[in-house]
Amino acid sequence: MARPRVGVAVLTMGTRPAELRALLDSVTGQDEPAARVVVVGNGTGSLPDLPEGVTGVELPENRGVSGGRNVAIGVLREFGDVDVLVDLDDDGLLVDTDVFRRLSDLYEADPRLGIVSFRIADETGETQRRHVPRLGAKDPLRGGEVTTFLGGGHGLSMRMLDQIGGWPEEFFFTHEETDLAWRALDGGWKVLYAPELLLQHPKTSPARHAVYYRMTARNRVWLAKRNLPALLVPAYLGVWTLLTLARTRSLPGLKAWFAGFAEGVRRPGGARTPMRWSTVWRMSRLGRPPVV
């Protein structure tokens, strides 16, 4: 195949102008430049001044991670000169200058490569356990095929997106990466964790968002209802209910979680397209059967 062309998408809520500019400078500093760079203002009102050549899109309301990234996909698709979309958090930083070149090498070598997950580490080089997309993995430098990926920094094949569709708009945020990864795997695409591709990112907790507990429960129910064979839905949700009870120390958090779970059961979360049992087996061989 021809050399894959990289396009970059960054979502921002306008609260990190200095970090956004530093990120865009690190994008510009890549030794193999991006064909396009798009910044989506997710309900920001107005974007800060952007470097020359960067396309800004201002949304009148916050459409969440899923909705904002779908807008970016649409913009890059209209340009027609991007083969691999790179999503980056607006407070991340590409500390190496060869990230896009290495990413293009990976896609050039494998036409069935759908998703590439970057390694995320803080300023000290530490990678949080939740940022290693593999069950039981302690070594963040061990790469290979996986069943999910990291939202803060990753590459997506545009051909894959044309086949399986974009982000689950209903999710707003949390578990949208897993939904996309499961659909990619069911479509015959590979998901690769490539720790040599580094995004520096401040250490954070997902629970910093006030609606985290409600949305993580609601979206997990939707994830199961949308993607799993009927026999696996109760098993998956049962396992995650037990894990949540064991891990959560906040009573208000638990109350919000169960409220979100009930919301997910009551409300539809998008069209149901259960994965094939061969995909379940493939995920199991990769170390993460879709029951945990």
C-alpha atoms as a PDB file:
ATOM      1  CA  MET A   1       0.000   0.000   0.000  1.00  0.00           C
ATOM      2  CA  ALA A   2       1.026   3.650  -0.420  1.00  0.00           C
ATOM      3  CA  ARG A   3       2.631   5.448   2.481  1.00  0.00           C
ATOM      4  CA  PRO A   4      -0.216   6.117   4.979  1.00  0.00           C
ATOM      5  CA  ARG A   5      -0.929   9.810   5.543  1.00  0.00           C
ATOM      6  CA  VAL A   6      -1.556  10.903   9.135  1.00  0.00           C
ATOM      7  CA  GLY A   7      -4.225  13.356  10.222  1.00  0.00           C
ATOM      8  CA  VAL A   8      -4.451  14.659  13.796  1.00  0.00           C
ATOM      9  CA  ALA A   9      -7.597  15.451  15.780  1.00  0.00           C
ATOM     10  CA  VAL A  10      -7.598  17.245  19.138  1.00  0.00           C
ATOM     11  CA  LEU A  11     -10.657  17.948  21.282  1.00  0.00           C
ATOM     12  CA  THR A  12     -10.584  20.877  23.655  1.00  0.00           C
ATOM     13  CA  MET A  13     -13.007  22.602  26.005  1.00  0.00           C
ATOM     14  CA  GLY A  14     -10.902  25.757  25.952  1.00  0.00           C
ATOM     15  CA  THR A  15      -9.629  25.370  29.522  1.00  0.00           C
ATOM     16  CA  ARG A  16      -6.012  24.464  28.662  1.00  0.00           C
ATOM     17  CA  PRO A  17      -4.755  26.986  26.080  1.00  0.00           C
ATOM     18  CA  ALA A  18      -1.094  26.698  27.121  1.00  0.00           C
ATOM     19  CA  GLU A  19      -1.147  22.886  27.089  1.00  0.00           C
ATOM     20  CA  LEU A  20      -2.988  22.866  23.761  1.00  0.00           C
ATOM     21  CA  ARG A  21      -0.381  25.118  22.173  1.00  0.00           C
ATOM     22  CA  ALA A  22       2.455  22.958  23.518  1.00  0.00           C
ATOM     23  CA  LEU A  23       0.777  19.855  22.084  1.00  0.00           C
ATOM     24  CA  LEU A  24       0.299  21.484  18.674  1.00  0.00           C
ATOM     25  CA  ASP A  25       3.944  22.577  18.695  1.00  0.00           C
ATOM     26  CA  SER A  26       4.956  18.966  19.361  1.00  0.00           C
ATOM     27  CA  VAL A  27       2.755  17.873  16.442  1.00  0.00           C
ATOM     28  CA  THR A  28       4.425  20.429  14.181  1.00  0.00           C
ATOM     29  CA  GLY A  29       7.842  19.192  15.347  1.00  0.00           C
ATOM     30  CA  GLN A  30       7.347  15.653  14.028  1.00  0.00           C
ATOM     31  CA  ASP A  31       9.970  14.575  11.493  1.00  0.00           C
ATOM     32  CA  GLU A  32       7.213  13.190   9.236  1.00  0.00           C
ATOM     33  CA  PRO A  33       4.537  15.906   9.275  1.00  0.00           C
ATOM     34  CA  ALA A  34       0.805  15.325   9.538  1.00  0.00           C
ATOM     35  CA  ALA A  35      -1.212  15.913   6.387  1.00  0.00           C
ATOM     36  CA  ARG A  36      -3.942  17.640   8.413  1.00  0.00           C
ATOM     37  CA  VAL A  37      -4.467  18.883  11.945  1.00  0.00           C
ATOM     38  CA  VAL A  38      -7.975  19.590  13.259  1.00  0.00           C
ATOM     39  CA  VAL A  39      -8.866  21.115  16.622  1.00  0.00           C
ATOM     40  CA  VAL A  40     -12.503  20.745  17.724  1.00  0.00           C
ATOM     41  CA  GLY A  41     -13.777  23.174  20.331  1.00  0.00           C
ATOM     42  CA  ASN A  42     -16.317  21.140  22.280  1.00  0.00           C
ATOM     43  CA  GLY A  43     -18.735  23.853  23.380  1.00  0.00           C
ATOM     44  CA  THR A  44     -15.892  26.331  23.945  1.00  0.00           C
ATOM     45  CA  GLY A  45     -17.633  29.306  22.342  1.00  0.00           C
ATOM     46  CA  SER A  46     -14.420  30.345  20.614  1.00  0.00           C
ATOM     47  CA  LEU A  47     -11.074  28.646  20.123  1.00  0.00           C
ATOM     48  CA  PRO A  48      -7.749  30.269  21.013  1.00  0.00           C
ATOM     49  CA  ASP A  49      -5.478  31.360  18.199  1.00  0.00           C
ATOM     50  CA  LEU A  50      -4.239  28.270  16.383  1.00  0.00           C
ATOM     51  CA  PRO A  51      -0.977  27.792  14.474  1.00  0.00           C
ATOM     52  CA  GLU A  52      -1.010  28.304  10.732  1.00  0.00           C
ATOM     53  CA  GLY A  53      -2.354  25.293   8.862  1.00  0.00           C
ATOM     54  CA  VAL A  54      -4.464  24.001  11.766  1.00  0.00           C
ATOM     55  CA  THR A  55      -8.204  23.755  11.061  1.00  0.00           C
ATOM     56  CA  GLY A  56     -10.443  24.889  13.906  1.00  0.00           C
ATOM     57  CA  VAL A  57     -14.040  23.733  14.364  1.00  0.00           C
ATOM     58  CA  GLU A  58     -16.191  25.382  17.038  1.00  0.00           C
ATOM     59  CA  LEU A  59     -19.199  23.420  18.314  1.00  0.00           C
ATOM     60  CA  PRO A  60     -21.979  25.409  20.019  1.00  0.00           C
ATOM     61  CA  GLU A  61     -22.407  22.717  22.678  1.00  0.00           C
ATOM     62  CA  ASN A  62     -20.317  20.033  24.323  1.00  0.00           C
ATOM     63  CA  ARG A  63     -21.003  16.791  22.448  1.00  0.00           C
ATOM     64  CA  GLY A  64     -18.738  14.704  24.632  1.00  0.00           C
ATOM     65  CA  VAL A  65     -15.677  12.741  23.613  1.00  0.00           C
ATOM     66  CA  SER A  66     -17.627  10.533  21.208  1.00  0.00           C
ATOM     67  CA  GLY A  67     -19.558  13.335  19.513  1.00  0.00           C
ATOM     68  CA  GLY A  68     -16.572  15.674  19.243  1.00  0.00           C
ATOM     69  CA  ARG A  69     -14.355  12.993  17.769  1.00  0.00           C
ATOM     70  CA  ASN A  70     -17.022  12.044  15.262  1.00  0.00           C
ATOM     71  CA  VAL A  71     -17.023  15.669  14.100  1.00  0.00           C
ATOM     72  CA  ALA A  72     -13.251  15.459  13.624  1.00  0.00           C
ATOM     73  CA  ILE A  73     -13.611  12.248  11.607  1.00  0.00           C
ATOM     74  CA  GLY A  74     -16.105  13.964   9.339  1.00  0.00           C
ATOM     75  CA  VAL A  75     -13.838  16.972   8.773  1.00  0.00           C
ATOM     76  CA  LEU A  76     -10.814  14.820   7.951  1.00  0.00           C
ATOM     77  CA  ARG A  77     -12.893  12.593   5.694  1.00  0.00           C
ATOM     78  CA  GLU A  78     -13.993  15.654   3.719  1.00  0.00           C
ATOM     79  CA  PHE A  79     -10.364  16.647   3.119  1.00  0.00           C
ATOM     80  CA  GLY A  80      -9.827  13.216   1.572  1.00  0.00           C
ATOM     81  CA  ASP A  81      -6.067  13.082   2.156  1.00  0.00           C
ATOM     82  CA  VAL A  82      -5.843  11.207   5.492  1.00  0.00           C
ATOM     83  CA  ASP A  83      -5.388   7.443   5.911  1.00  0.00           C
ATOM     84  CA  VAL A  84      -4.700   7.267   9.657  1.00  0.00           C
ATOM     85  CA  LEU A  85      -6.422   9.490  12.213  1.00  0.00           C
ATOM     86  CA  VAL A  86      -4.475  10.266  15.392  1.00  0.00           C
ATOM     87  CA  ASP A  87      -6.524  11.416  18.393  1.00  0.00           C
ATOM     88  CA  LEU A  88      -4.587  13.281  21.092  1.00  0.00           C
ATOM     89  CA  ASP A  89      -5.700  14.699  24.455  1.00  0.00           C
ATOM     90  CA  ASP A  90      -5.279  18.467  24.596  1.00  0.00           C
ATOM     91  CA  ASP A  91      -3.073  18.223  27.697  1.00  0.00           C
ATOM     92  CA  GLY A  92      -0.817  15.561  26.183  1.00  0.00           C
ATOM     93  CA  LEU A  93       2.593  16.039  24.599  1.00  0.00           C
ATOM     94  CA  LEU A  94       4.569  14.150  21.965  1.00  0.00           C
ATOM     95  CA  VAL A  95       8.048  14.157  23.486  1.00  0.00           C
ATOM     96  CA  ASP A  96       9.593  12.177  20.601  1.00  0.00           C
ATOM     97  CA  THR A  97       9.763  13.555  17.061  1.00  0.00           C
ATOM     98  CA  ASP A  98       9.358  10.230  15.250  1.00  0.00           C
ATOM     99  CA  VAL A  99       5.880   9.203  16.467  1.00  0.00           C
ATOM    100  CA  PHE A 100       4.036   9.747  13.176  1.00  0.00           C
ATOM    101  CA  ARG A 101       6.832   8.131  11.156  1.00  0.00           C
ATOM    102  CA  ARG A 102       6.781   5.018  13.329  1.00  0.00           C
ATOM    103  CA  LEU A 103       2.995   4.940  13.232  1.00  0.00           C
ATOM    104  CA  SER A 104       2.951   5.134   9.430  1.00  0.00           C
ATOM    105  CA  ASP A 105       5.511   2.315   9.331  1.00  0.00           C
ATOM    106  CA  LEU A 106       3.150   0.100  11.317  1.00  0.00           C
ATOM    107  CA  TYR A 107       0.161   0.782   9.075  1.00  0.00           C
ATOM    108  CA  GLU A 108       2.250   0.460   5.919  1.00  0.00           C
ATOM    109  CA  ALA A 109       3.416  -2.990   7.014  1.00  0.00           C
ATOM    110  CA  ASP A 110      -0.049  -4.377   7.860  1.00  0.00           C
ATOM    111  CA  PRO A 111      -3.191  -3.527   5.846  1.00  0.00           C
ATOM    112  CA  ARG A 112      -5.424  -5.153   8.510  1.00  0.00           C
ATOM    113  CA  LEU A 113      -4.111  -2.961  11.296  1.00  0.00           C
ATOM    114  CA  GLY A 114      -7.092  -1.001  12.564  1.00  0.00           C
ATOM    115  CA  ILE A 115      -6.135   0.633  15.870  1.00  0.00           C
ATOM    116  CA  VAL A 116      -2.773   1.495  17.422  1.00  0.00           C
ATOM    117  CA  SER A 117      -2.719   2.433  21.093  1.00  0.00           C
ATOM    118  CA  PHE A 118       0.072   4.711  22.307  1.00  0.00           C
ATOM    119  CA  ARG A 119       1.757   4.357  25.692  1.00  0.00           C
ATOM    120  CA  ILE A 120       0.751   7.071  28.150  1.00  0.00           C
ATOM    121  CA  ALA A 121       3.225   8.158  30.820  1.00  0.00           C
ATOM    122  CA  ASP A 122       3.518  11.169  33.105  1.00  0.00           C
ATOM    123  CA  GLU A 123       6.463  13.586  33.317  1.00  0.00           C
ATOM    124  CA  THR A 124       8.427  11.080  35.426  1.00  0.00           C
ATOM    125  CA  GLY A 125       7.951   8.283  32.900  1.00  0.00           C
ATOM    126  CA  GLU A 126       5.425   6.389  35.042  1.00  0.00           C
ATOM    127  CA  THR A 127       2.498   4.664  33.337  1.00  0.00           C
ATOM    128  CA  GLN A 128      -0.603   4.161  35.486  1.00  0.00           C
ATOM    129  CA  ARG A 129      -1.868   0.580  35.695  1.00  0.00           C
ATOM    130  CA  ARG A 130      -5.188   1.542  34.114  1.00  0.00           C
ATOM    131  CA  HIS A 131      -3.263   2.769  31.051  1.00  0.00           C
ATOM    132  CA  VAL A 132      -1.908  -0.677  30.198  1.00  0.00           C
ATOM    133  CA  PRO A 133      -4.576  -2.196  27.907  1.00  0.00           C
ATOM    134  CA  ARG A 134      -4.096  -5.790  29.006  1.00  0.00           C
ATOM    135  CA  LEU A 135      -5.424  -7.814  31.946  1.00  0.00           C
ATOM    136  CA  GLY A 136      -2.875  -8.472  34.671  1.00  0.00           C
ATOM    137  CA  ALA A 137      -0.096  -6.679  32.800  1.00  0.00           C
ATOM    138  CA  LYS A 138       2.490  -4.954  34.956  1.00  0.00           C
ATOM    139  CA  ASP A 139       4.986  -4.072  32.227  1.00  0.00           C
ATOM    140  CA  PRO A 140       3.871  -1.003  30.239  1.00  0.00           C
ATOM    141  CA  LEU A 141       6.686  -1.614  27.740  1.00  0.00           C
ATOM    142  CA  ARG A 142       5.304  -4.950  26.572  1.00  0.00           C
ATOM    143  CA  GLY A 143       3.490  -4.382  23.298  1.00  0.00           C
ATOM    144  CA  GLY A 144       1.400  -6.626  21.080  1.00  0.00           C
ATOM    145  CA  GLU A 145      -2.173  -7.306  20.044  1.00  0.00           C
ATOM    146  CA  VAL A 146      -4.839  -6.331  22.593  1.00  0.00           C
ATOM    147  CA  THR A 147      -8.620  -5.969  22.789  1.00  0.00           C
ATOM    148  CA  THR A 148      -8.953  -2.314  23.768  1.00  0.00           C
ATOM    149  CA  PHE A 149      -6.926   0.901  23.575  1.00  0.00           C
ATOM    150  CA  LEU A 150      -6.186   4.210  25.268  1.00  0.00           C
ATOM    151  CA  GLY A 151      -8.304   7.239  24.462  1.00  0.00           C
ATOM    152  CA  GLY A 152      -5.606   9.828  25.173  1.00  0.00           C
ATOM    153  CA  GLY A 153      -3.398   8.859  22.242  1.00  0.00           C
ATOM    154  CA  HIS A 154      -4.045   6.413  19.427  1.00  0.00           C
ATOM    155  CA  GLY A 155      -4.221   5.888  15.672  1.00  0.00           C
ATOM    156  CA  LEU A 156      -7.312   4.758  13.760  1.00  0.00           C
ATOM    157  CA  SER A 157      -7.420   3.456  10.200  1.00  0.00           C
ATOM    158  CA  MET A 158      -9.818   5.551   8.117  1.00  0.00           C
ATOM    159  CA  ARG A 159     -10.635   2.449   6.055  1.00  0.00           C
ATOM    160  CA  MET A 160     -11.610   0.706   9.277  1.00  0.00           C
ATOM    161  CA  LEU A 161     -13.828   3.621  10.318  1.00  0.00           C
ATOM    162  CA  ASP A 162     -15.487   3.570   6.903  1.00  0.00           C
ATOM    163  CA  GLN A 163     -16.343  -0.101   7.507  1.00  0.00           C
ATOM    164  CA  ILE A 164     -17.382  -0.216  11.175  1.00  0.00           C
ATOM    165  CA  GLY A 165     -18.553   3.357  11.780  1.00  0.00           C
ATOM    166  CA  GLY A 166     -17.302   5.965  14.217  1.00  0.00           C
ATOM    167  CA  TRP A 167     -17.535   6.550  17.936  1.00  0.00           C
ATOM    168  CA  PRO A 168     -20.738   5.618  19.831  1.00  0.00           C
ATOM    169  CA  GLU A 169     -22.366   9.046  19.999  1.00  0.00           C
ATOM    170  CA  GLU A 170     -24.708   8.058  22.844  1.00  0.00           C
ATOM    171  CA  PHE A 171     -21.839   7.291  25.245  1.00  0.00           C
ATOM    172  CA  PHE A 172     -20.619  10.918  25.596  1.00  0.00           C
ATOM    173  CA  PHE A 173     -17.554   9.626  27.470  1.00  0.00           C
ATOM    174  CA  THR A 174     -16.258   6.410  29.150  1.00  0.00           C
ATOM    175  CA  HIS A 175     -16.048   3.007  27.467  1.00  0.00           C
ATOM    176  CA  GLU A 176     -16.250   4.522  23.976  1.00  0.00           C
ATOM    177  CA  GLU A 177     -12.804   3.080  23.189  1.00  0.00           C
ATOM    178  CA  THR A 178     -13.875  -0.446  24.146  1.00  0.00           C
ATOM    179  CA  ASP A 179     -17.001  -0.201  22.015  1.00  0.00           C
ATOM    180  CA  LEU A 180     -14.936   0.869  19.004  1.00  0.00           C
ATOM    181  CA  ALA A 181     -12.293  -1.804  19.641  1.00  0.00           C
ATOM    182  CA  TRP A 182     -14.853  -4.599  19.912  1.00  0.00           C
ATOM    183  CA  ARG A 183     -16.463  -3.550  16.630  1.00  0.00           C
ATOM    184  CA  ALA A 184     -13.030  -3.376  14.999  1.00  0.00           C
ATOM    185  CA  LEU A 185     -12.133  -6.878  16.180  1.00  0.00           C
ATOM    186  CA  ASP A 186     -15.474  -8.221  14.973  1.00  0.00           C
ATOM    187  CA  GLY A 187     -14.762  -6.617  11.588  1.00  0.00           C
ATOM    188  CA  GLY A 188     -11.497  -8.535  11.278  1.00  0.00           C
ATOM    189  CA  TRP A 189      -9.149  -5.673  12.219  1.00  0.00           C
ATOM    190  CA  LYS A 190      -6.197  -5.782  14.612  1.00  0.00           C
ATOM    191  CA  VAL A 191      -5.776  -3.659  17.741  1.00  0.00           C
ATOM    192  CA  LEU A 192      -2.122  -3.108  18.635  1.00  0.00           C
ATOM    193  CA  TYR A 193      -0.528  -1.662  21.765  1.00  0.00           C
ATOM    194  CA  ALA A 194       2.700   0.040  20.641  1.00  0.00           C
ATOM    195  CA  PRO A 195       4.544   1.307  23.756  1.00  0.00           C
ATOM    196  CA  GLU A 196       7.308   2.836  21.643  1.00  0.00           C
ATOM    197  CA  LEU A 197       4.765   5.515  20.655  1.00  0.00           C
ATOM    198  CA  LEU A 198       4.671   7.749  23.720  1.00  0.00           C
ATOM    199  CA  LEU A 199       2.198  10.421  24.763  1.00  0.00           C
ATOM    200  CA  GLN A 200       3.280  12.312  27.855  1.00  0.00           C
ATOM    201  CA  HIS A 201       0.216  13.100  29.949  1.00  0.00           C
ATOM    202  CA  PRO A 202      -0.300  14.337  33.529  1.00  0.00           C
ATOM    203  CA  LYS A 203      -1.347  11.681  36.029  1.00  0.00           C
ATOM    204  CA  THR A 204      -5.128  11.833  36.477  1.00  0.00           C
ATOM    205  CA  SER A 205      -8.070   9.842  37.827  1.00  0.00           C
ATOM    206  CA  PRO A 206     -11.195   9.262  35.718  1.00  0.00           C
ATOM    207  CA  ALA A 207     -13.278   9.859  38.861  1.00  0.00           C
ATOM    208  CA  ARG A 208     -12.294  13.545  38.721  1.00  0.00           C
ATOM    209  CA  HIS A 209     -15.352  14.020  36.485  1.00  0.00           C
ATOM    210  CA  ALA A 210     -18.516  14.537  38.560  1.00  0.00           C
ATOM    211  CA  VAL A 211     -20.608  12.229  36.374  1.00  0.00           C
ATOM    212  CA  TYR A 212     -17.969   9.498  36.116  1.00  0.00           C
ATOM    213  CA  TYR A 213     -19.715   6.869  38.239  1.00  0.00           C
ATOM    214  CA  ARG A 214     -23.089   7.274  36.549  1.00  0.00           C
ATOM    215  CA  MET A 215     -21.720   7.267  33.024  1.00  0.00           C
ATOM    216  CA  THR A 216     -19.268   4.426  33.540  1.00  0.00           C
ATOM    217  CA  ALA A 217     -22.129   2.183  34.747  1.00  0.00           C
ATOM    218  CA  ARG A 218     -24.646   3.315  32.125  1.00  0.00           C
ATOM    219  CA  ASN A 219     -22.166   2.931  29.286  1.00  0.00           C
ATOM    220  CA  ARG A 220     -20.994  -0.479  30.453  1.00  0.00           C
ATOM    221  CA  VAL A 221     -24.574  -1.705  30.224  1.00  0.00           C
ATOM    222  CA  TRP A 222     -24.876  -0.163  26.758  1.00  0.00           C
ATOM    223  CA  LEU A 223     -21.547  -1.687  25.739  1.00  0.00           C
ATOM    224  CA  ALA A 224     -22.862  -5.137  26.602  1.00  0.00           C
ATOM    225  CA  LYS A 225     -26.302  -4.613  25.083  1.00  0.00           C
ATOM    226  CA  ARG A 226     -24.830  -3.286  21.834  1.00  0.00           C
ATOM    227  CA  ASN A 227     -22.025  -5.768  21.277  1.00  0.00           C
ATOM    228  CA  LEU A 228     -22.234  -9.036  23.207  1.00  0.00           C
ATOM    229  CA  PRO A 229     -24.042 -12.266  22.367  1.00  0.00           C
ATOM    230  CA  ALA A 230     -27.124 -12.563  24.594  1.00  0.00           C
ATOM    231  CA  LEU A 231     -25.604 -15.350  26.702  1.00  0.00           C
ATOM    232  CA  LEU A 232     -22.656 -13.161  27.709  1.00  0.00           C
ATOM    233  CA  VAL A 233     -24.555  -9.995  28.646  1.00  0.00           C
ATOM    234  CA  PRO A 234     -25.550 -11.083  32.211  1.00  0.00           C
ATOM    235  CA  ALA A 235     -22.124 -12.651  32.814  1.00  0.00           C
ATOM    236  CA  TYR A 236     -20.278  -9.481  31.772  1.00  0.00           C
ATOM    237  CA  LEU A 237     -22.501  -7.168  33.798  1.00  0.00           C
ATOM    238  CA  GLY A 238     -22.450  -9.487  36.805  1.00  0.00           C
ATOM    239  CA  VAL A 239     -18.654  -9.594  36.874  1.00  0.00           C
ATOM    240  CA  TRP A 240     -18.398  -5.817  36.658  1.00  0.00           C
ATOM    241  CA  THR A 241     -20.995  -5.300  39.363  1.00  0.00           C
ATOM    242  CA  LEU A 242     -18.976  -7.482  41.730  1.00  0.00           C
ATOM    243  CA  LEU A 243     -15.726  -5.714  40.796  1.00  0.00           C
ATOM    244  CA  THR A 244     -17.324  -2.322  41.382  1.00  0.00           C
ATOM    245  CA  LEU A 245     -18.611  -3.339  44.816  1.00  0.00           C
ATOM    246  CA  ALA A 246     -15.155  -4.611  45.734  1.00  0.00           C
ATOM    247  CA  ARG A 247     -13.236  -1.573  44.469  1.00  0.00           C
ATOM    248  CA  THR A 248     -15.443   1.434  45.236  1.00  0.00           C
ATOM    249  CA  ARG A 249     -14.999   3.028  48.651  1.00  0.00           C
ATOM    250  CA  SER A 250     -17.349   5.962  48.073  1.00  0.00           C
ATOM    251  CA  LEU A 251     -20.990   5.489  49.085  1.00  0.00           C
ATOM    252  CA  PRO A 252     -22.162   8.439  46.909  1.00  0.00           C
ATOM    253  CA  GLY A 253     -20.110   6.942  44.092  1.00  0.00           C
ATOM    254  CA  LEU A 254     -21.822   3.566  44.477  1.00  0.00           C
ATOM    255  CA  LYS A 255     -25.261   5.206  44.537  1.00  0.00           C
ATOM    256  CA  ALA A 256     -24.428   7.095  41.328  1.00  0.00           C
ATOM    257  CA  TRP A 257     -23.073   3.887  39.776  1.00  0.00           C
ATOM    258  CA  PHE A 258     -26.259   1.910  40.431  1.00  0.00           C
ATOM    259  CA  ALA A 259     -28.372   4.823  39.181  1.00  0.00           C
ATOM    260  CA  GLY A 260     -26.353   4.778  35.971  1.00  0.00           C
ATOM    261  CA  PHE A 261     -26.694   0.994  35.717  1.00  0.00           C
ATOM    262  CA  ALA A 262     -30.480   1.313  35.957  1.00  0.00           C
ATOM    263  CA  GLU A 263     -30.427   4.067  33.333  1.00  0.00           C
ATOM    264  CA  GLY A 264     -28.474   1.819  30.990  1.00  0.00           C
ATOM    265  CA  VAL A 265     -30.996  -0.991  31.431  1.00  0.00           C
ATOM    266  CA  ARG A 266     -33.995   1.298  30.848  1.00  0.00           C
ATOM    267  CA  ARG A 267     -32.710   3.378  27.975  1.00  0.00           C
ATOM    268  CA  PRO A 268     -31.401   2.267  24.563  1.00  0.00           C
ATOM    269  CA  GLY A 269     -27.743   2.944  23.865  1.00  0.00           C
ATOM    270  CA  GLY A 270     -27.683   2.486  20.116  1.00  0.00           C
ATOM    271  CA  ALA A 271     -28.276  -0.326  17.646  1.00  0.00           C
ATOM    272  CA  ARG A 272     -27.567  -3.871  18.807  1.00  0.00           C
ATOM    273  CA  THR A 273     -25.074  -5.768  16.625  1.00  0.00           C
ATOM    274  CA  PRO A 274     -23.759  -8.713  18.658  1.00  0.00           C
ATOM    275  CA  MET A 275     -20.250  -9.890  17.858  1.00  0.00           C
ATOM    276  CA  ARG A 276     -19.632 -13.314  16.398  1.00  0.00           C
ATOM    277  CA  TRP A 277     -18.607 -16.169  18.654  1.00  0.00           C
ATOM    278  CA  SER A 278     -15.375 -16.393  16.653  1.00  0.00           C
ATOM    279  CA  THR A 279     -14.616 -12.858  17.867  1.00  0.00           C
ATOM    280  CA  VAL A 280     -15.295 -13.924  21.458  1.00  0.00           C
ATOM    281  CA  TRP A 281     -12.801 -16.749  20.982  1.00  0.00           C
ATOM    282  CA  ARG A 282     -10.257 -14.418  19.367  1.00  0.00           C
ATOM    283  CA  MET A 283     -10.526 -12.008  22.310  1.00  0.00           C
ATOM    284  CA  SER A 284     -10.125 -14.903  24.736  1.00  0.00           C
ATOM    285  CA  ARG A 285      -6.945 -16.024  22.970  1.00  0.00           C
ATOM    286  CA  LEU A 286      -5.649 -12.450  23.239  1.00  0.00           C
ATOM    287  CA  GLY A 287      -6.054 -12.673  27.011  1.00  0.00           C
ATOM    288  CA  ARG A 288      -9.287 -10.789  27.614  1.00  0.00           C
ATOM    289  CA  PRO A 289     -12.565 -12.656  27.007  1.00  0.00           C
ATOM    290  CA  PRO A 290     -15.499 -10.212  26.898  1.00  0.00           C
ATOM    291  CA  VAL A 291     -16.789 -11.085  30.342  1.00  0.00           C
ATOM    292  CA  VAL A 292     -14.291  -8.894  32.236  1.00  0.00           C
END
